[in-house]
Each structure stands twice: as C-alpha cells, then as structure tokens.
C-alpha cells in the first residue's frame, strides 16, 4: 500500500508541476490576453473620443441652424403683421 501512495503522490506531482514549454505557453497566453484587453480598452476609448467629437460638431451645427431659424421666424412675423394690417387695402384694389 505504501508503494501505491507514492505512485499517487508522484503522479499528482507530475500533473501539477508544469513543464517548461507548458509554463511558457501559459505565460504567453496570459501576456496575449493582457495585451488584447489593453488594446480593446484603448480602442473603446478611441471610439468614445471620436463619437464625442462628432456629437459635439453636430450639436454646434444644430445650434447654428436653430439661431438662423429663429431669426427667420422673427423676420417673418415682422413682415406678416403689417401685411395683415394692410390687407384691406389689397382687397380694395
């Protein structure tokens, strides 16, 4: 029985103790995983920055359009009220 225990202990030691190529492969995988996570994070930050810049430009353009629209509305109102007030002269012609 003592021999079987030593065989079991020896086999478990062999299973848990990584060999040199296996250890290098695990290290390489870990490094690749870390590099991938870092690259994914950087890409996400780049996309966020790019979309924020685009949103900022769209916001500024929209603000400009609204300013122009309200100025045109004001001009239209300034022109329509005198036209309504003087419409009796147009009908009388």
PDB file of N, CA and C in Angstrom:
ATOM      1  N   UNK A   1       0.803  -1.179   0.000  1.00  0.00           N
ATOM      2  CA  UNK A   1       0.000   0.000   0.000  1.00  0.00           C
ATOM      3  C   UNK A   1       0.860   1.263   0.000  1.00  0.00           C
ATOM      4  N   UNK A   2       1.966   1.197   0.661  1.00  0.00           N
ATOM      5  CA  UNK A   2       2.841   2.355   0.701  1.00  0.00           C
ATOM      6  C   UNK A   2       3.345   2.699  -0.682  1.00  0.00           C
ATOM      7  N   UNK A   3       3.565   1.662  -1.496  1.00  0.00           N
ATOM      8  CA  UNK A   3       4.032   1.918  -2.849  1.00  0.00           C
ATOM      9  C   UNK A   3       2.958   2.621  -3.672  1.00  0.00           C
ATOM     10  N   UNK A   4       1.701   2.234  -3.496  1.00  0.00           N
ATOM     11  CA  UNK A   4       0.638   2.857  -4.271  1.00  0.00           C
ATOM     12  C   UNK A   4       0.469   4.322  -3.894  1.00  0.00           C
ATOM     13  N   UNK A   5       0.685   4.648  -2.602  1.00  0.00           N
ATOM     14  CA  UNK A   5       0.601   6.045  -2.195  1.00  0.00           C
ATOM     15  C   UNK A   5       1.695   6.864  -2.867  1.00  0.00           C
ATOM     16  N   UNK A   6       2.882   6.307  -2.904  1.00  0.00           N
ATOM     17  CA  UNK A   6       3.977   7.042  -3.521  1.00  0.00           C
ATOM     18  C   UNK A   6       3.745   7.213  -5.017  1.00  0.00           C
ATOM     19  N   UNK A   7       3.134   6.217  -5.643  1.00  0.00           N
ATOM     20  CA  UNK A   7       2.816   6.363  -7.066  1.00  0.00           C
ATOM     21  C   UNK A   7       1.771   7.454  -7.257  1.00  0.00           C
ATOM     22  N   UNK A   8       0.783   7.486  -6.368  1.00  0.00           N
ATOM     23  CA  UNK A   8      -0.254   8.500  -6.457  1.00  0.00           C
ATOM     24  C   UNK A   8       0.338   9.883  -6.216  1.00  0.00           C
ATOM     25  N   UNK A   9       1.172   9.974  -5.206  1.00  0.00           N
ATOM     26  CA  UNK A   9       1.799  11.256  -4.922  1.00  0.00           C
ATOM     27  C   UNK A   9       2.685  11.693  -6.080  1.00  0.00           C
ATOM     28  N   UNK A  10       3.407  10.765  -6.655  1.00  0.00           N
ATOM     29  CA  UNK A  10       4.287  11.073  -7.767  1.00  0.00           C
ATOM     30  C   UNK A  10       3.479  11.506  -8.981  1.00  0.00           C
ATOM     31  N   UNK A  11       2.397  10.816  -9.260  1.00  0.00           N
ATOM     32  CA  UNK A  11       1.585  11.176 -10.422  1.00  0.00           C
ATOM     33  C   UNK A  11       0.906  12.524 -10.223  1.00  0.00           C
ATOM     34  N   UNK A  12       0.472  12.826  -8.985  1.00  0.00           N
ATOM     35  CA  UNK A  12      -0.143  14.126  -8.744  1.00  0.00           C
ATOM     36  C   UNK A  12       0.891  15.240  -8.853  1.00  0.00           C
ATOM     37  N   UNK A  13       2.110  14.969  -8.432  1.00  0.00           N
ATOM     38  CA  UNK A  13       3.168  15.967  -8.575  1.00  0.00           C
ATOM     39  C   UNK A  13       3.477  16.229 -10.042  1.00  0.00           C
ATOM     40  N   UNK A  14       3.441  15.195 -10.833  1.00  0.00           N
ATOM     41  CA  UNK A  14       3.707  15.335 -12.263  1.00  0.00           C
ATOM     42  C   UNK A  14       2.595  16.147 -12.923  1.00  0.00           C
ATOM     43  N   UNK A  15       1.344  15.899 -12.521  1.00  0.00           N
ATOM     44  CA  UNK A  15       0.215  16.606 -13.116  1.00  0.00           C
ATOM     45  C   UNK A  15       0.229  18.094 -12.758  1.00  0.00           C
ATOM     46  N   UNK A  16       0.567  18.406 -11.514  1.00  0.00           N
ATOM     47  CA  UNK A  16       0.507  19.806 -11.096  1.00  0.00           C
ATOM     48  C   UNK A  16       1.753  20.590 -11.464  1.00  0.00           C
ATOM     49  N   UNK A  17       2.889  19.952 -11.534  1.00  0.00           N
ATOM     50  CA  UNK A  17       4.124  20.661 -11.864  1.00  0.00           C
ATOM     51  C   UNK A  17       4.203  20.873 -13.371  1.00  0.00           C
ATOM     52  N   UNK A  18       4.116  22.130 -13.836  1.00  0.00           N
ATOM     53  CA  UNK A  18       4.167  22.377 -15.281  1.00  0.00           C
ATOM     54  C   UNK A  18       5.575  22.200 -15.825  1.00  0.00           C
ATOM     55  N   UNK A  19       5.629  21.693 -17.000  1.00  0.00           N
ATOM     56  CA  UNK A  19       6.914  21.567 -17.672  1.00  0.00           C
ATOM     57  C   UNK A  19       7.289  22.923 -18.242  1.00  0.00           C
ATOM     58  N   UNK A  20       8.508  23.063 -18.666  1.00  0.00           N
ATOM     59  CA  UNK A  20       8.999  24.347 -19.169  1.00  0.00           C
ATOM     60  C   UNK A  20       8.206  24.848 -20.382  1.00  0.00           C
ATOM     61  N   UNK A  21       7.984  24.048 -21.422  1.00  0.00           N
ATOM     62  CA  UNK A  21       7.202  24.547 -22.562  1.00  0.00           C
ATOM     63  C   UNK A  21       5.762  24.880 -22.175  1.00  0.00           C
ATOM     64  N   UNK A  22       5.202  24.071 -21.280  1.00  0.00           N
ATOM     65  CA  UNK A  22       3.832  24.317 -20.844  1.00  0.00           C
ATOM     66  C   UNK A  22       3.763  25.635 -20.071  1.00  0.00           C
ATOM     67  N   UNK A  23       4.756  25.863 -19.239  1.00  0.00           N
ATOM     68  CA  UNK A  23       4.817  27.099 -18.460  1.00  0.00           C
ATOM     69  C   UNK A  23       4.975  28.310 -19.384  1.00  0.00           C
ATOM     70  N   UNK A  24       5.820  28.198 -20.388  1.00  0.00           N
ATOM     71  CA  UNK A  24       5.998  29.289 -21.349  1.00  0.00           C
ATOM     72  C   UNK A  24       4.717  29.561 -22.118  1.00  0.00           C
ATOM     73  N   UNK A  25       4.009  28.499 -22.472  1.00  0.00           N
ATOM     74  CA  UNK A  25       2.750  28.652 -23.193  1.00  0.00           C
ATOM     75  C   UNK A  25       1.720  29.367 -22.329  1.00  0.00           C
ATOM     76  N   UNK A  26       1.657  29.000 -21.042  1.00  0.00           N
ATOM     77  CA  UNK A  26       0.717  29.661 -20.135  1.00  0.00           C
ATOM     78  C   UNK A  26       1.073  31.133 -19.978  1.00  0.00           C
ATOM     79  N   UNK A  27       2.363  31.427 -19.872  1.00  0.00           N
ATOM     80  CA  UNK A  27       2.811  32.811 -19.742  1.00  0.00           C
ATOM     81  C   UNK A  27       2.492  33.599 -21.009  1.00  0.00           C
ATOM     82  N   UNK A  28       2.744  32.999 -22.154  1.00  0.00           N
ATOM     83  CA  UNK A  28       2.455  33.659 -23.426  1.00  0.00           C
ATOM     84  C   UNK A  28       0.960  33.922 -23.571  1.00  0.00           C
ATOM     85  N   UNK A  29       0.149  32.957 -23.195  1.00  0.00           N
ATOM     86  CA  UNK A  29      -1.307  33.147 -23.266  1.00  0.00           C
ATOM     87  C   UNK A  29      -1.750  34.275 -22.348  1.00  0.00           C
ATOM     88  N   UNK A  30      -1.197  34.306 -21.153  1.00  0.00           N
ATOM     89  CA  UNK A  30      -1.562  35.346 -20.197  1.00  0.00           C
ATOM     90  C   UNK A  30      -1.164  36.715 -20.732  1.00  0.00           C
ATOM     91  N   UNK A  31       0.041  36.804 -21.277  1.00  0.00           N
ATOM     92  CA  UNK A  31       0.501  38.077 -21.834  1.00  0.00           C
ATOM     93  C   UNK A  31      -0.359  38.493 -23.022  1.00  0.00           C
ATOM     94  N   UNK A  32      -0.701  37.534 -23.864  1.00  0.00           N
ATOM     95  CA  UNK A  32      -1.546  37.841 -25.022  1.00  0.00           C
ATOM     96  C   UNK A  32      -2.918  38.303 -24.564  1.00  0.00           C
ATOM     97  N   UNK A  33      -3.446  37.665 -23.539  1.00  0.00           N
ATOM     98  CA  UNK A  33      -4.747  38.058 -23.009  1.00  0.00           C
ATOM     99  C   UNK A  33      -4.696  39.470 -22.437  1.00  0.00           C
ATOM    100  N   UNK A  34      -3.630  39.784 -21.710  1.00  0.00           N
ATOM    101  CA  UNK A  34      -3.475  41.130 -21.154  1.00  0.00           C
ATOM    102  C   UNK A  34      -3.319  42.168 -22.260  1.00  0.00           C
ATOM    103  N   UNK A  35      -2.545  41.842 -23.286  1.00  0.00           N
ATOM    104  CA  UNK A  35      -2.358  42.770 -24.408  1.00  0.00           C
ATOM    105  C   UNK A  35      -3.667  42.994 -25.152  1.00  0.00           C
ATOM    106  N   UNK A  36      -4.447  41.920 -25.319  1.00  0.00           N
ATOM    107  CA  UNK A  36      -5.734  42.043 -26.003  1.00  0.00           C
ATOM    108  C   UNK A  36      -6.681  42.926 -25.198  1.00  0.00           C
ATOM    109  N   UNK A  37      -6.728  42.706 -23.882  1.00  0.00           N
ATOM    110  CA  UNK A  37      -7.597  43.523 -23.033  1.00  0.00           C
ATOM    111  C   UNK A  37      -7.173  44.989 -23.078  1.00  0.00           C
ATOM    112  N   UNK A  38      -5.873  45.229 -23.066  1.00  0.00           N
ATOM    113  CA  UNK A  38      -5.357  46.599 -23.128  1.00  0.00           C
ATOM    114  C   UNK A  38      -5.699  47.249 -24.469  1.00  0.00           C
ATOM    115  N   UNK A  39      -5.549  46.502 -25.554  1.00  0.00           N
ATOM    116  CA  UNK A  39      -5.872  47.026 -26.886  1.00  0.00           C
ATOM    117  C   UNK A  39      -7.367  47.283 -27.021  1.00  0.00           C
ATOM    118  N   UNK A  40      -8.184  46.390 -26.469  1.00  0.00           N
ATOM    119  CA  UNK A  40      -9.637  46.578 -26.535  1.00  0.00           C
ATOM    120  C   UNK A  40     -10.050  47.824 -25.761  1.00  0.00           C
ATOM    121  N   UNK A  41      -9.430  48.042 -24.616  1.00  0.00           N
ATOM    122  CA  UNK A  41      -9.728  49.227 -23.814  1.00  0.00           C
ATOM    123  C   UNK A  41      -9.316  50.499 -24.561  1.00  0.00           C
ATOM    124  N   UNK A  42      -8.147  50.471 -25.188  1.00  0.00           N
ATOM    125  CA  UNK A  42      -7.672  51.634 -25.948  1.00  0.00           C
ATOM    126  C   UNK A  42      -8.572  51.908 -27.148  1.00  0.00           C
ATOM    127  N   UNK A  43      -9.018  50.854 -27.814  1.00  0.00           N
ATOM    128  CA  UNK A  43      -9.905  51.028 -28.965  1.00  0.00           C
ATOM    129  C   UNK A  43     -11.250  51.604 -28.533  1.00  0.00           C
ATOM    130  N   UNK A  44     -11.752  51.150 -27.399  1.00  0.00           N
ATOM    131  CA  UNK A  44     -13.021  51.669 -26.889  1.00  0.00           C
ATOM    132  C   UNK A  44     -12.885  53.149 -26.543  1.00  0.00           C
ATOM    133  N   UNK A  45     -11.772  53.522 -25.930  1.00  0.00           N
ATOM    134  CA  UNK A  45     -11.531  54.928 -25.598  1.00  0.00           C
ATOM    135  C   UNK A  45     -11.430  55.772 -26.869  1.00  0.00           C
ATOM    136  N   UNK A  46     -10.769  55.246 -27.893  1.00  0.00           N
ATOM    137  CA  UNK A  46     -10.642  55.958 -29.169  1.00  0.00           C
ATOM    138  C   UNK A  46     -12.013  56.171 -29.806  1.00  0.00           C
ATOM    139  N   UNK A  47     -12.832  55.111 -29.823  1.00  0.00           N
ATOM    140  CA  UNK A  47     -14.167  55.235 -30.414  1.00  0.00           C
ATOM    141  C   UNK A  47     -15.027  56.225 -29.639  1.00  0.00           C
ATOM    142  N   UNK A  48     -14.939  56.183 -28.318  1.00  0.00           N
ATOM    143  CA  UNK A  48     -15.710  57.109 -27.490  1.00  0.00           C
ATOM    144  C   UNK A  48     -15.300  58.546 -27.774  1.00  0.00           C
ATOM    145  N   UNK A  49     -13.994  58.786 -27.859  1.00  0.00           N
ATOM    146  CA  UNK A  49     -13.494  60.134 -28.141  1.00  0.00           C
ATOM    147  C   UNK A  49     -13.940  60.601 -29.522  1.00  0.00           C
ATOM    148  N   UNK A  50     -13.889  59.703 -30.492  1.00  0.00           N
ATOM    149  CA  UNK A  50     -14.285  60.030 -31.864  1.00  0.00           C
ATOM    150  C   UNK A  50     -15.777  60.362 -31.926  1.00  0.00           C
ATOM    151  N   UNK A  51     -16.596  59.550 -31.261  1.00  0.00           N
ATOM    152  CA  UNK A  51     -18.047  59.794 -31.263  1.00  0.00           C
ATOM    153  C   UNK A  51     -18.398  61.063 -30.509  1.00  0.00           C
ATOM    154  N   UNK A  52     -17.668  61.363 -29.440  1.00  0.00           N
ATOM    155  CA  UNK A  52     -17.912  62.595 -28.690  1.00  0.00           C
ATOM    156  C   UNK A  52     -17.596  63.813 -29.549  1.00  0.00           C
ATOM    157  N   UNK A  53     -16.524  63.745 -30.308  1.00  0.00           N
ATOM    158  CA  UNK A  53     -16.171  64.859 -31.197  1.00  0.00           C
ATOM    159  C   UNK A  53     -17.236  65.050 -32.274  1.00  0.00           C
ATOM    160  N   UNK A  54     -17.737  63.950 -32.814  1.00  0.00           N
ATOM    161  CA  UNK A  54     -18.789  64.026 -33.825  1.00  0.00           C
ATOM    162  C   UNK A  54     -20.077  64.593 -33.229  1.00  0.00           C
ATOM    163  N   UNK A  55     -20.424  64.157 -32.026  1.00  0.00           N
ATOM    164  CA  UNK A  55     -21.628  64.660 -31.357  1.00  0.00           C
ATOM    165  C   UNK A  55     -21.500  66.149 -31.057  1.00  0.00           C
ATOM    166  N   UNK A  56     -20.308  66.577 -30.641  1.00  0.00           N
ATOM    167  CA  UNK A  56     -20.073  67.995 -30.358  1.00  0.00           C
ATOM    168  C   UNK A  56     -20.243  68.831 -31.622  1.00  0.00           C
ATOM    169  N   UNK A  57     -19.721  68.339 -32.732  1.00  0.00           N
ATOM    170  CA  UNK A  57     -19.847  69.063 -34.003  1.00  0.00           C
ATOM    171  C   UNK A  57     -21.308  69.138 -34.436  1.00  0.00           C
ATOM    172  N   UNK A  58     -22.039  68.031 -34.291  1.00  0.00           N
ATOM    173  CA  UNK A  58     -23.461  68.033 -34.644  1.00  0.00           C
ATOM    174  C   UNK A  58     -24.250  68.991 -33.760  1.00  0.00           C
ATOM    175  N   UNK A  59     -23.919  69.036 -32.484  1.00  0.00           N
ATOM    176  CA  UNK A  59     -24.604  69.935 -31.556  1.00  0.00           C
ATOM    177  C   UNK A  59     -24.380  71.392 -31.952  1.00  0.00           C
ATOM    178  N   UNK A  60     -23.136  71.735 -32.251  1.00  0.00           N
ATOM    179  CA  UNK A  60     -22.835  73.121 -32.652  1.00  0.00           C
ATOM    180  C   UNK A  60     -23.534  73.491 -33.951  1.00  0.00           C
ATOM    181  N   UNK A  61     -23.571  72.562 -34.897  1.00  0.00           N
ATOM    182  CA  UNK A  61     -24.253  72.822 -36.166  1.00  0.00           C
ATOM    183  C   UNK A  61     -25.756  73.003 -35.948  1.00  0.00           C
ATOM    184  N   UNK A  62     -26.344  72.175 -35.098  1.00  0.00           N
ATOM    185  CA  UNK A  62     -27.770  72.284 -34.799  1.00  0.00           C
ATOM    186  C   UNK A  62     -28.076  73.610 -34.123  1.00  0.00           C
ATOM    187  N   UNK A  63     -27.207  74.018 -33.205  1.00  0.00           N
ATOM    188  CA  UNK A  63     -27.396  75.294 -32.519  1.00  0.00           C
ATOM    189  C   UNK A  63     -27.396  76.445 -33.525  1.00  0.00           C
ATOM    190  N   UNK A  64     -26.501  76.390 -34.484  1.00  0.00           N
ATOM    191  CA  UNK A  64     -26.429  77.423 -35.521  1.00  0.00           C
ATOM    192  C   UNK A  64     -27.706  77.445 -36.356  1.00  0.00           C
ATOM    193  N   UNK A  65     -28.186  76.258 -36.726  1.00  0.00           N
ATOM    194  CA  UNK A  65     -29.415  76.189 -37.522  1.00  0.00           C
ATOM    195  C   UNK A  65     -30.610  76.753 -36.751  1.00  0.00           C
ATOM    196  N   UNK A  66     -30.697  76.460 -35.458  1.00  0.00           N
ATOM    197  CA  UNK A  66     -31.804  76.993 -34.670  1.00  0.00           C
ATOM    198  C   UNK A  66     -31.720  78.511 -34.558  1.00  0.00           C
ATOM    199  N   UNK A  67     -30.517  79.051 -34.408  1.00  0.00           N
ATOM    200  CA  UNK A  67     -30.368  80.510 -34.368  1.00  0.00           C
ATOM    201  C   UNK A  67     -30.876  81.127 -35.664  1.00  0.00           C
ATOM    202  N   UNK A  68     -30.479  80.535 -36.787  1.00  0.00           N
ATOM    203  CA  UNK A  68     -30.935  81.048 -38.082  1.00  0.00           C
ATOM    204  C   UNK A  68     -32.445  80.904 -38.224  1.00  0.00           C
ATOM    205  N   UNK A  69     -32.986  79.783 -37.779  1.00  0.00           N
ATOM    206  CA  UNK A  69     -34.431  79.553 -37.901  1.00  0.00           C
ATOM    207  C   UNK A  69     -35.212  80.574 -37.082  1.00  0.00           C
ATOM    208  N   UNK A  70     -34.776  80.863 -35.863  1.00  0.00           N
ATOM    209  CA  UNK A  70     -35.487  81.834 -35.040  1.00  0.00           C
ATOM    210  C   UNK A  70     -35.352  83.246 -35.594  1.00  0.00           C
ATOM    211  N   UNK A  71     -34.206  83.565 -36.171  1.00  0.00           N
ATOM    212  CA  UNK A  71     -34.072  84.897 -36.769  1.00  0.00           C
ATOM    213  C   UNK A  71     -34.988  85.019 -37.986  1.00  0.00           C
ATOM    214  N   UNK A  72     -35.107  83.945 -38.772  1.00  0.00           N
ATOM    215  CA  UNK A  72     -36.017  83.972 -39.921  1.00  0.00           C
ATOM    216  C   UNK A  72     -37.471  84.024 -39.465  1.00  0.00           C
ATOM    217  N   UNK A  73     -37.787  83.330 -38.380  1.00  0.00           N
ATOM    218  CA  UNK A  73     -39.152  83.385 -37.843  1.00  0.00           C
ATOM    219  C   UNK A  73     -39.479  84.804 -37.395  1.00  0.00           C
ATOM    220  N   UNK A  74     -38.541  85.451 -36.742  1.00  0.00           N
ATOM    221  CA  UNK A  74     -38.750  86.821 -36.295  1.00  0.00           C
ATOM    222  C   UNK A  74     -38.971  87.750 -37.490  1.00  0.00           C
ATOM    223  N   UNK A  75     -38.183  87.575 -38.552  1.00  0.00           N
ATOM    224  CA  UNK A  75     -38.377  88.391 -39.754  1.00  0.00           C
ATOM    225  C   UNK A  75     -39.739  88.118 -40.385  1.00  0.00           C
ATOM    226  N   UNK A  76     -40.163  86.868 -40.388  1.00  0.00           N
ATOM    227  CA  UNK A  76     -41.466  86.517 -40.960  1.00  0.00           C
ATOM    228  C   UNK A  76     -42.595  87.153 -40.159  1.00  0.00           C
ATOM    229  N   UNK A  77     -42.496  87.104 -38.842  1.00  0.00           N
ATOM    230  CA  UNK A  77     -43.539  87.711 -38.007  1.00  0.00           C
ATOM    231  C   UNK A  77     -43.567  89.226 -38.177  1.00  0.00           C
ATOM    232  N   UNK A  78     -42.389  89.827 -38.305  1.00  0.00           N
ATOM    233  CA  UNK A  78     -42.336  91.270 -38.524  1.00  0.00           C
ATOM    234  C   UNK A  78     -42.967  91.641 -39.862  1.00  0.00           C
ATOM    235  N   UNK A  79     -42.889  90.749 -40.837  1.00  0.00           N
ATOM    236  CA  UNK A  79     -43.457  91.047 -42.148  1.00  0.00           C
ATOM    237  C   UNK A  79     -44.927  90.689 -42.269  1.00  0.00           C
ATOM    238  N   UNK A  80     -45.389  89.675 -41.539  1.00  0.00           N
ATOM    239  CA  UNK A  80     -46.764  89.219 -41.709  1.00  0.00           C
ATOM    240  C   UNK A  80     -47.768  90.138 -41.014  1.00  0.00           C
ATOM    241  N   UNK A  81     -47.417  90.693 -39.875  1.00  0.00           N
ATOM    242  CA  UNK A  81     -48.372  91.550 -39.176  1.00  0.00           C
ATOM    243  C   UNK A  81     -48.681  92.833 -39.950  1.00  0.00           C
ATOM    244  N   UNK A  82     -47.710  93.517 -40.508  1.00  0.00           N
ATOM    245  CA  UNK A  82     -48.061  94.677 -41.344  1.00  0.00           C
ATOM    246  C   UNK A  82     -48.864  94.262 -42.590  1.00  0.00           C
ATOM    247  N   UNK A  83     -48.582  93.080 -43.122  1.00  0.00           N
ATOM    248  CA  UNK A  83     -49.336  92.619 -44.291  1.00  0.00           C
ATOM    249  C   UNK A  83     -50.788  92.365 -43.919  1.00  0.00           C
ATOM    250  N   UNK A  84     -51.032  91.795 -42.756  1.00  0.00           N
ATOM    251  CA  UNK A  84     -52.409  91.555 -42.299  1.00  0.00           C
ATOM    252  C   UNK A  84     -53.094  92.887 -42.015  1.00  0.00           C
ATOM    253  N   UNK A  85     -52.375  93.795 -41.383  1.00  0.00           N
ATOM    254  CA  UNK A  85     -52.934  95.097 -41.031  1.00  0.00           C
ATOM    255  C   UNK A  85     -53.331  95.887 -42.284  1.00  0.00           C
ATOM    256  N   UNK A  86     -52.555  95.745 -43.329  1.00  0.00           N
ATOM    257  CA  UNK A  86     -52.822  96.487 -44.555  1.00  0.00           C
ATOM    258  C   UNK A  86     -53.523  95.641 -45.613  1.00  0.00           C
ATOM    259  N   UNK A  87     -54.047  94.488 -45.246  1.00  0.00           N
ATOM    260  CA  UNK A  87     -54.691  93.615 -46.230  1.00  0.00           C
ATOM    261  C   UNK A  87     -55.975  94.222 -46.782  1.00  0.00           C
ATOM    262  N   UNK A  88     -56.636  95.084 -46.042  1.00  0.00           N
ATOM    263  CA  UNK A  88     -57.867  95.710 -46.551  1.00  0.00           C
ATOM    264  C   UNK A  88     -57.583  96.578 -47.771  1.00  0.00           C
ATOM    265  N   UNK A  89     -56.380  97.143 -47.821  1.00  0.00           N
ATOM    266  CA  UNK A  89     -56.017  97.939 -48.982  1.00  0.00           C
ATOM    267  C   UNK A  89     -55.767  97.050 -50.197  1.00  0.00           C
ATOM    268  N   UNK A  90     -55.229  95.828 -49.948  1.00  0.00           N
ATOM    269  CA  UNK A  90     -55.013  94.889 -51.040  1.00  0.00           C
ATOM    270  C   UNK A  90     -56.345  94.411 -51.607  1.00  0.00           C
ATOM    271  N   UNK A  91     -57.315  94.168 -50.721  1.00  0.00           N
ATOM    272  CA  UNK A  91     -58.632  93.700 -51.165  1.00  0.00           C
ATOM    273  C   UNK A  91     -59.368  94.831 -51.899  1.00  0.00           C
ATOM    274  N   UNK A  92     -59.166  96.030 -51.457  1.00  0.00           N
ATOM    275  CA  UNK A  92     -59.835  97.179 -52.058  1.00  0.00           C
ATOM    276  C   UNK A  92     -59.324  97.521 -53.445  1.00  0.00           C
ATOM    277  N   UNK A  93     -58.171  97.056 -53.822  1.00  0.00           N
ATOM    278  CA  UNK A  93     -57.599  97.381 -55.123  1.00  0.00           C
ATOM    279  C   UNK A  93     -58.316  96.730 -56.229  1.00  0.00           C
TER     280      UNK A  93
END
